[in-house]
Amino acid sequence: MLNNYGFEGAQWDAAKEQATSILIDVATRKGRIAYSELVGQISALSLEPHDSRLFHLLGEISSEED
């Protein structure tokens, strides 16, 4: 079943797990990551750096990690 952003639920969840892991690694190193680099490391689905769905993905991660 597709979620609101046009991806399968499991695919979306896998992308969130990948992005969360990447972001935690970057934060641990007190580094920064560009959207283009982040989406390039997410293999569960394909997003562009300024895709509005990326911002929804990051918003969900933020809410869940808060």
PDB file of N, CA and C in Angstrom:
ATOM      1  N   MET A   1       0.841  -1.189   0.000  1.00  0.00           N
ATOM      2  CA  MET A   1       0.000   0.000   0.000  1.00  0.00           C
ATOM      3  C   MET A   1       0.883   1.248   0.000  1.00  0.00           C
ATOM      4  N   LEU A   2       0.540   2.207  -0.846  1.00  0.00           N
ATOM      5  CA  LEU A   2       1.306   3.442  -0.940  1.00  0.00           C
ATOM      6  C   LEU A   2       0.914   4.404   0.174  1.00  0.00           C
ATOM      7  N   ASN A   3       1.904   5.120   0.702  1.00  0.00           N
ATOM      8  CA  ASN A   3       1.595   6.147   1.693  1.00  0.00           C
ATOM      9  C   ASN A   3       1.272   7.460   0.970  1.00  0.00           C
ATOM     10  N   ASN A   4       1.116   8.525   1.708  1.00  0.00           N
ATOM     11  CA  ASN A   4       0.739   9.821   1.126  1.00  0.00           C
ATOM     12  C   ASN A   4       1.783  10.372   0.160  1.00  0.00           C
ATOM     13  N   TYR A   5       2.978   9.855   0.215  1.00  0.00           N
ATOM     14  CA  TYR A   5       4.048  10.417  -0.598  1.00  0.00           C
ATOM     15  C   TYR A   5       4.365   9.569  -1.826  1.00  0.00           C
ATOM     16  N   GLY A   6       3.549   8.554  -2.087  1.00  0.00           N
ATOM     17  CA  GLY A   6       3.705   7.758  -3.287  1.00  0.00           C
ATOM     18  C   GLY A   6       4.680   6.603  -3.197  1.00  0.00           C
ATOM     19  N   PHE A   7       5.084   6.238  -1.988  1.00  0.00           N
ATOM     20  CA  PHE A   7       5.994   5.116  -1.794  1.00  0.00           C
ATOM     21  C   PHE A   7       5.311   4.043  -0.960  1.00  0.00           C
ATOM     22  N   GLU A   8       5.758   2.810  -1.121  1.00  0.00           N
ATOM     23  CA  GLU A   8       5.288   1.727  -0.272  1.00  0.00           C
ATOM     24  C   GLU A   8       5.686   2.037   1.167  1.00  0.00           C
ATOM     25  N   GLY A   9       4.841   1.651   2.118  1.00  0.00           N
ATOM     26  CA  GLY A   9       5.114   1.925   3.529  1.00  0.00           C
ATOM     27  C   GLY A   9       6.445   1.364   3.988  1.00  0.00           C
ATOM     28  N   ALA A  10       6.757   0.119   3.608  1.00  0.00           N
ATOM     29  CA  ALA A  10       8.021  -0.499   4.020  1.00  0.00           C
ATOM     30  C   ALA A  10       9.211   0.221   3.390  1.00  0.00           C
ATOM     31  N   GLN A  11       9.029   0.668   2.165  1.00  0.00           N
ATOM     32  CA  GLN A  11      10.085   1.395   1.462  1.00  0.00           C
ATOM     33  C   GLN A  11      10.348   2.732   2.170  1.00  0.00           C
ATOM     34  N   TRP A  12       9.294   3.439   2.524  1.00  0.00           N
ATOM     35  CA  TRP A  12       9.389   4.722   3.230  1.00  0.00           C
ATOM     36  C   TRP A  12      10.074   4.520   4.587  1.00  0.00           C
ATOM     37  N   ASP A  13       9.652   3.484   5.313  1.00  0.00           N
ATOM     38  CA  ASP A  13      10.231   3.206   6.630  1.00  0.00           C
ATOM     39  C   ASP A  13      11.711   2.863   6.526  1.00  0.00           C
ATOM     40  N   ALA A  14      12.089   2.103   5.505  1.00  0.00           N
ATOM     41  CA  ALA A  14      13.496   1.763   5.297  1.00  0.00           C
ATOM     42  C   ALA A  14      14.317   3.014   4.994  1.00  0.00           C
ATOM     43  N   ALA A  15      13.764   3.920   4.205  1.00  0.00           N
ATOM     44  CA  ALA A  15      14.454   5.172   3.887  1.00  0.00           C
ATOM     45  C   ALA A  15      14.619   6.017   5.144  1.00  0.00           C
ATOM     46  N   LYS A  16      13.593   6.037   5.992  1.00  0.00           N
ATOM     47  CA  LYS A  16      13.713   6.781   7.250  1.00  0.00           C
ATOM     48  C   LYS A  16      14.802   6.189   8.133  1.00  0.00           C
ATOM     49  N   GLU A  17      14.873   4.860   8.193  1.00  0.00           N
ATOM     50  CA  GLU A  17      15.920   4.209   8.991  1.00  0.00           C
ATOM     51  C   GLU A  17      17.309   4.547   8.436  1.00  0.00           C
ATOM     52  N   GLN A  18      17.447   4.508   7.119  1.00  0.00           N
ATOM     53  CA  GLN A  18      18.730   4.835   6.509  1.00  0.00           C
ATOM     54  C   GLN A  18      19.102   6.293   6.795  1.00  0.00           C
ATOM     55  N   ALA A  19      18.171   7.194   6.574  1.00  0.00           N
ATOM     56  CA  ALA A  19      18.443   8.616   6.778  1.00  0.00           C
ATOM     57  C   ALA A  19      18.762   8.898   8.244  1.00  0.00           C
ATOM     58  N   THR A  20      18.030   8.270   9.153  1.00  0.00           N
ATOM     59  CA  THR A  20      18.294   8.468  10.581  1.00  0.00           C
ATOM     60  C   THR A  20      19.707   8.026  10.925  1.00  0.00           C
ATOM     61  N   SER A  21      20.104   6.867  10.438  1.00  0.00           N
ATOM     62  CA  SER A  21      21.450   6.362  10.699  1.00  0.00           C
ATOM     63  C   SER A  21      22.519   7.309  10.152  1.00  0.00           C
ATOM     64  N   ILE A  22      22.305   7.796   8.955  1.00  0.00           N
ATOM     65  CA  ILE A  22      23.249   8.734   8.328  1.00  0.00           C
ATOM     66  C   ILE A  22      23.340  10.012   9.151  1.00  0.00           C
ATOM     67  N   LEU A  23      22.191  10.542   9.526  1.00  0.00           N
ATOM     68  CA  LEU A  23      22.172  11.806  10.272  1.00  0.00           C
ATOM     69  C   LEU A  23      22.788  11.664  11.655  1.00  0.00           C
ATOM     70  N   ILE A  24      22.564  10.532  12.306  1.00  0.00           N
ATOM     71  CA  ILE A  24      23.180  10.297  13.615  1.00  0.00           C
ATOM     72  C   ILE A  24      24.702  10.249  13.460  1.00  0.00           C
ATOM     73  N   ASP A  25      25.174   9.571  12.425  1.00  0.00           N
ATOM     74  CA  ASP A  25      26.613   9.501  12.185  1.00  0.00           C
ATOM     75  C   ASP A  25      27.203  10.886  11.956  1.00  0.00           C
ATOM     76  N   VAL A  26      26.535  11.696  11.159  1.00  0.00           N
ATOM     77  CA  VAL A  26      27.013  13.058  10.880  1.00  0.00           C
ATOM     78  C   VAL A  26      27.006  13.888  12.167  1.00  0.00           C
ATOM     79  N   ALA A  27      25.942  13.784  12.945  1.00  0.00           N
ATOM     80  CA  ALA A  27      25.844  14.551  14.184  1.00  0.00           C
ATOM     81  C   ALA A  27      26.899  14.116  15.198  1.00  0.00           C
ATOM     82  N   THR A  28      27.182  12.830  15.251  1.00  0.00           N
ATOM     83  CA  THR A  28      28.206  12.314  16.168  1.00  0.00           C
ATOM     84  C   THR A  28      29.567  12.925  15.853  1.00  0.00           C
ATOM     85  N   ARG A  29      29.822  13.115  14.575  1.00  0.00           N
ATOM     86  CA  ARG A  29      31.085  13.730  14.149  1.00  0.00           C
ATOM     87  C   ARG A  29      31.023  15.255  14.184  1.00  0.00           C
ATOM     88  N   LYS A  30      29.851  15.792  14.611  1.00  0.00           N
ATOM     89  CA  LYS A  30      29.610  17.239  14.632  1.00  0.00           C
ATOM     90  C   LYS A  30      29.825  17.841  13.251  1.00  0.00           C
ATOM     91  N   GLY A  31      29.400  17.073  12.238  1.00  0.00           N
ATOM     92  CA  GLY A  31      29.564  17.505  10.859  1.00  0.00           C
ATOM     93  C   GLY A  31      28.274  18.045  10.267  1.00  0.00           C
ATOM     94  N   ARG A  32      28.313  18.232   8.991  1.00  0.00           N
ATOM     95  CA  ARG A  32      27.158  18.695   8.214  1.00  0.00           C
ATOM     96  C   ARG A  32      27.038  17.817   6.986  1.00  0.00           C
ATOM     97  N   ILE A  33      25.821  17.771   6.449  1.00  0.00           N
ATOM     98  CA  ILE A  33      25.597  17.007   5.228  1.00  0.00           C
ATOM     99  C   ILE A  33      24.620  17.778   4.343  1.00  0.00           C
ATOM    100  N   ALA A  34      24.936  17.858   3.078  1.00  0.00           N
ATOM    101  CA  ALA A  34      24.049  18.522   2.120  1.00  0.00           C
ATOM    102  C   ALA A  34      22.911  17.575   1.754  1.00  0.00           C
ATOM    103  N   TYR A  35      21.776  18.147   1.400  1.00  0.00           N
ATOM    104  CA  TYR A  35      20.649  17.314   0.963  1.00  0.00           C
ATOM    105  C   TYR A  35      21.066  16.397  -0.174  1.00  0.00           C
ATOM    106  N   SER A  36      21.874  16.900  -1.090  1.00  0.00           N
ATOM    107  CA  SER A  36      22.292  16.088  -2.229  1.00  0.00           C
ATOM    108  C   SER A  36      23.111  14.885  -1.778  1.00  0.00           C
ATOM    109  N   GLU A  37      23.940  15.064  -0.781  1.00  0.00           N
ATOM    110  CA  GLU A  37      24.729  13.953  -0.264  1.00  0.00           C
ATOM    111  C   GLU A  37      23.842  12.966   0.490  1.00  0.00           C
ATOM    112  N   LEU A  38      22.899  13.490   1.266  1.00  0.00           N
ATOM    113  CA  LEU A  38      21.988  12.629   2.019  1.00  0.00           C
ATOM    114  C   LEU A  38      21.169  11.742   1.086  1.00  0.00           C
ATOM    115  N   VAL A  39      20.522  12.341   0.086  1.00  0.00           N
ATOM    116  CA  VAL A  39      19.686  11.530  -0.808  1.00  0.00           C
ATOM    117  C   VAL A  39      20.523  10.538  -1.606  1.00  0.00           C
ATOM    118  N   GLY A  40      21.776  10.864  -1.847  1.00  0.00           N
ATOM    119  CA  GLY A  40      22.664   9.951  -2.556  1.00  0.00           C
ATOM    120  C   GLY A  40      23.006   8.709  -1.744  1.00  0.00           C
ATOM    121  N   GLN A  41      22.853   8.802  -0.428  1.00  0.00           N
ATOM    122  CA  GLN A  41      23.166   7.676   0.448  1.00  0.00           C
ATOM    123  C   GLN A  41      21.934   6.868   0.840  1.00  0.00           C
ATOM    124  N   ILE A  42      20.758   7.346   0.488  1.00  0.00           N
ATOM    125  CA  ILE A  42      19.521   6.616   0.784  1.00  0.00           C
ATOM    126  C   ILE A  42      19.219   5.716  -0.405  1.00  0.00           C
ATOM    127  N   SER A  43      19.298   4.411  -0.187  1.00  0.00           N
ATOM    128  CA  SER A  43      19.094   3.473  -1.294  1.00  0.00           C
ATOM    129  C   SER A  43      17.686   2.874  -1.324  1.00  0.00           C
ATOM    130  N   ALA A  44      16.917   3.076  -0.268  1.00  0.00           N
ATOM    131  CA  ALA A  44      15.587   2.461  -0.183  1.00  0.00           C
ATOM    132  C   ALA A  44      14.586   3.081  -1.154  1.00  0.00           C
ATOM    133  N   LEU A  45      14.824   4.321  -1.529  1.00  0.00           N
ATOM    134  CA  LEU A  45      13.970   4.995  -2.500  1.00  0.00           C
ATOM    135  C   LEU A  45      14.748   6.114  -3.143  1.00  0.00           C
ATOM    136  N   SER A  46      14.201   6.670  -4.200  1.00  0.00           N
ATOM    137  CA  SER A  46      14.887   7.705  -4.956  1.00  0.00           C
ATOM    138  C   SER A  46      14.234   9.057  -4.712  1.00  0.00           C
ATOM    139  N   LEU A  47      15.029   9.994  -4.208  1.00  0.00           N
ATOM    140  CA  LEU A  47      14.566  11.357  -3.974  1.00  0.00           C
ATOM    141  C   LEU A  47      15.584  12.329  -4.548  1.00  0.00           C
ATOM    142  N   GLU A  48      15.125  13.486  -4.923  1.00  0.00           N
ATOM    143  CA  GLU A  48      15.999  14.565  -5.353  1.00  0.00           C
ATOM    144  C   GLU A  48      16.285  15.464  -4.141  1.00  0.00           C
ATOM    145  N   PRO A  49      17.382  16.217  -4.172  1.00  0.00           N
ATOM    146  CA  PRO A  49      17.748  17.045  -3.013  1.00  0.00           C
ATOM    147  C   PRO A  49      16.681  18.047  -2.563  1.00  0.00           C
ATOM    148  N   HIS A  50      15.890  18.562  -3.464  1.00  0.00           N
ATOM    149  CA  HIS A  50      14.873  19.547  -3.073  1.00  0.00           C
ATOM    150  C   HIS A  50      13.456  19.028  -3.306  1.00  0.00           C
ATOM    151  N   ASP A  51      13.317  17.713  -3.275  1.00  0.00           N
ATOM    152  CA  ASP A  51      12.022  17.048  -3.392  1.00  0.00           C
ATOM    153  C   ASP A  51      11.237  17.311  -2.106  1.00  0.00           C
ATOM    154  N   SER A  52      10.016  17.767  -2.218  1.00  0.00           N
ATOM    155  CA  SER A  52       9.219  18.054  -1.016  1.00  0.00           C
ATOM    156  C   SER A  52       9.037  16.810  -0.153  1.00  0.00           C
ATOM    157  N   ARG A  53       9.100  15.630  -0.771  1.00  0.00           N
ATOM    158  CA  ARG A  53       8.962  14.398   0.015  1.00  0.00           C
ATOM    159  C   ARG A  53      10.161  14.194   0.940  1.00  0.00           C
ATOM    160  N   LEU A  54      11.332  14.696   0.556  1.00  0.00           N
ATOM    161  CA  LEU A  54      12.498  14.630   1.439  1.00  0.00           C
ATOM    162  C   LEU A  54      12.222  15.417   2.712  1.00  0.00           C
ATOM    163  N   PHE A  55      11.583  16.564   2.569  1.00  0.00           N
ATOM    164  CA  PHE A  55      11.310  17.389   3.741  1.00  0.00           C
ATOM    165  C   PHE A  55      10.272  16.720   4.642  1.00  0.00           C
ATOM    166  N   HIS A  56       9.339  15.983   4.066  1.00  0.00           N
ATOM    167  CA  HIS A  56       8.390  15.203   4.869  1.00  0.00           C
ATOM    168  C   HIS A  56       9.122  14.069   5.595  1.00  0.00           C
ATOM    169  N   LEU A  57      10.034  13.421   4.901  1.00  0.00           N
ATOM    170  CA  LEU A  57      10.824  12.355   5.503  1.00  0.00           C
ATOM    171  C   LEU A  57      11.614  12.896   6.693  1.00  0.00           C
ATOM    172  N   LEU A  58      12.296  14.024   6.493  1.00  0.00           N
ATOM    173  CA  LEU A  58      13.073  14.625   7.567  1.00  0.00           C
ATOM    174  C   LEU A  58      12.184  15.105   8.711  1.00  0.00           C
ATOM    175  N   GLY A  59      11.001  15.598   8.380  1.00  0.00           N
ATOM    176  CA  GLY A  59      10.057  16.031   9.406  1.00  0.00           C
ATOM    177  C   GLY A  59       9.599  14.869  10.276  1.00  0.00           C
ATOM    178  N   GLU A  60       9.317  13.742   9.629  1.00  0.00           N
ATOM    179  CA  GLU A  60       8.917  12.553  10.405  1.00  0.00           C
ATOM    180  C   GLU A  60      10.053  12.076  11.298  1.00  0.00           C
ATOM    181  N   ILE A  61      11.276  12.086  10.772  1.00  0.00           N
ATOM    182  CA  ILE A  61      12.428  11.686  11.581  1.00  0.00           C
ATOM    183  C   ILE A  61      12.556  12.618  12.777  1.00  0.00           C
ATOM    184  N   SER A  62      12.453  13.904  12.534  1.00  0.00           N
ATOM    185  CA  SER A  62      12.570  14.883  13.606  1.00  0.00           C
ATOM    186  C   SER A  62      11.534  14.655  14.698  1.00  0.00           C
ATOM    187  N   SER A  63      10.292  14.441  14.299  1.00  0.00           N
ATOM    188  CA  SER A  63       9.221  14.212  15.268  1.00  0.00           C
ATOM    189  C   SER A  63       9.448  12.923  16.060  1.00  0.00           C
ATOM    190  N   GLU A  64       9.881  11.875  15.375  1.00  0.00           N
ATOM    191  CA  GLU A  64      10.087  10.595  16.032  1.00  0.00           C
ATOM    192  C   GLU A  64      11.302  10.598  16.953  1.00  0.00           C
ATOM    193  N   GLU A  65      12.312  11.378  16.613  1.00  0.00           N
ATOM    194  CA  GLU A  65      13.530  11.420  17.413  1.00  0.00           C
ATOM    195  C   GLU A  65      13.451  12.416  18.566  1.00  0.00           C
ATOM    196  N   ASP A  66      12.457  13.303  18.526  1.00  0.00           N
ATOM    197  CA  ASP A  66      12.314  14.329  19.570  1.00  0.00           C
ATOM    198  C   ASP A  66      11.946  13.710  20.904  1.00  0.00           C
TER     199      ASP A  66
END
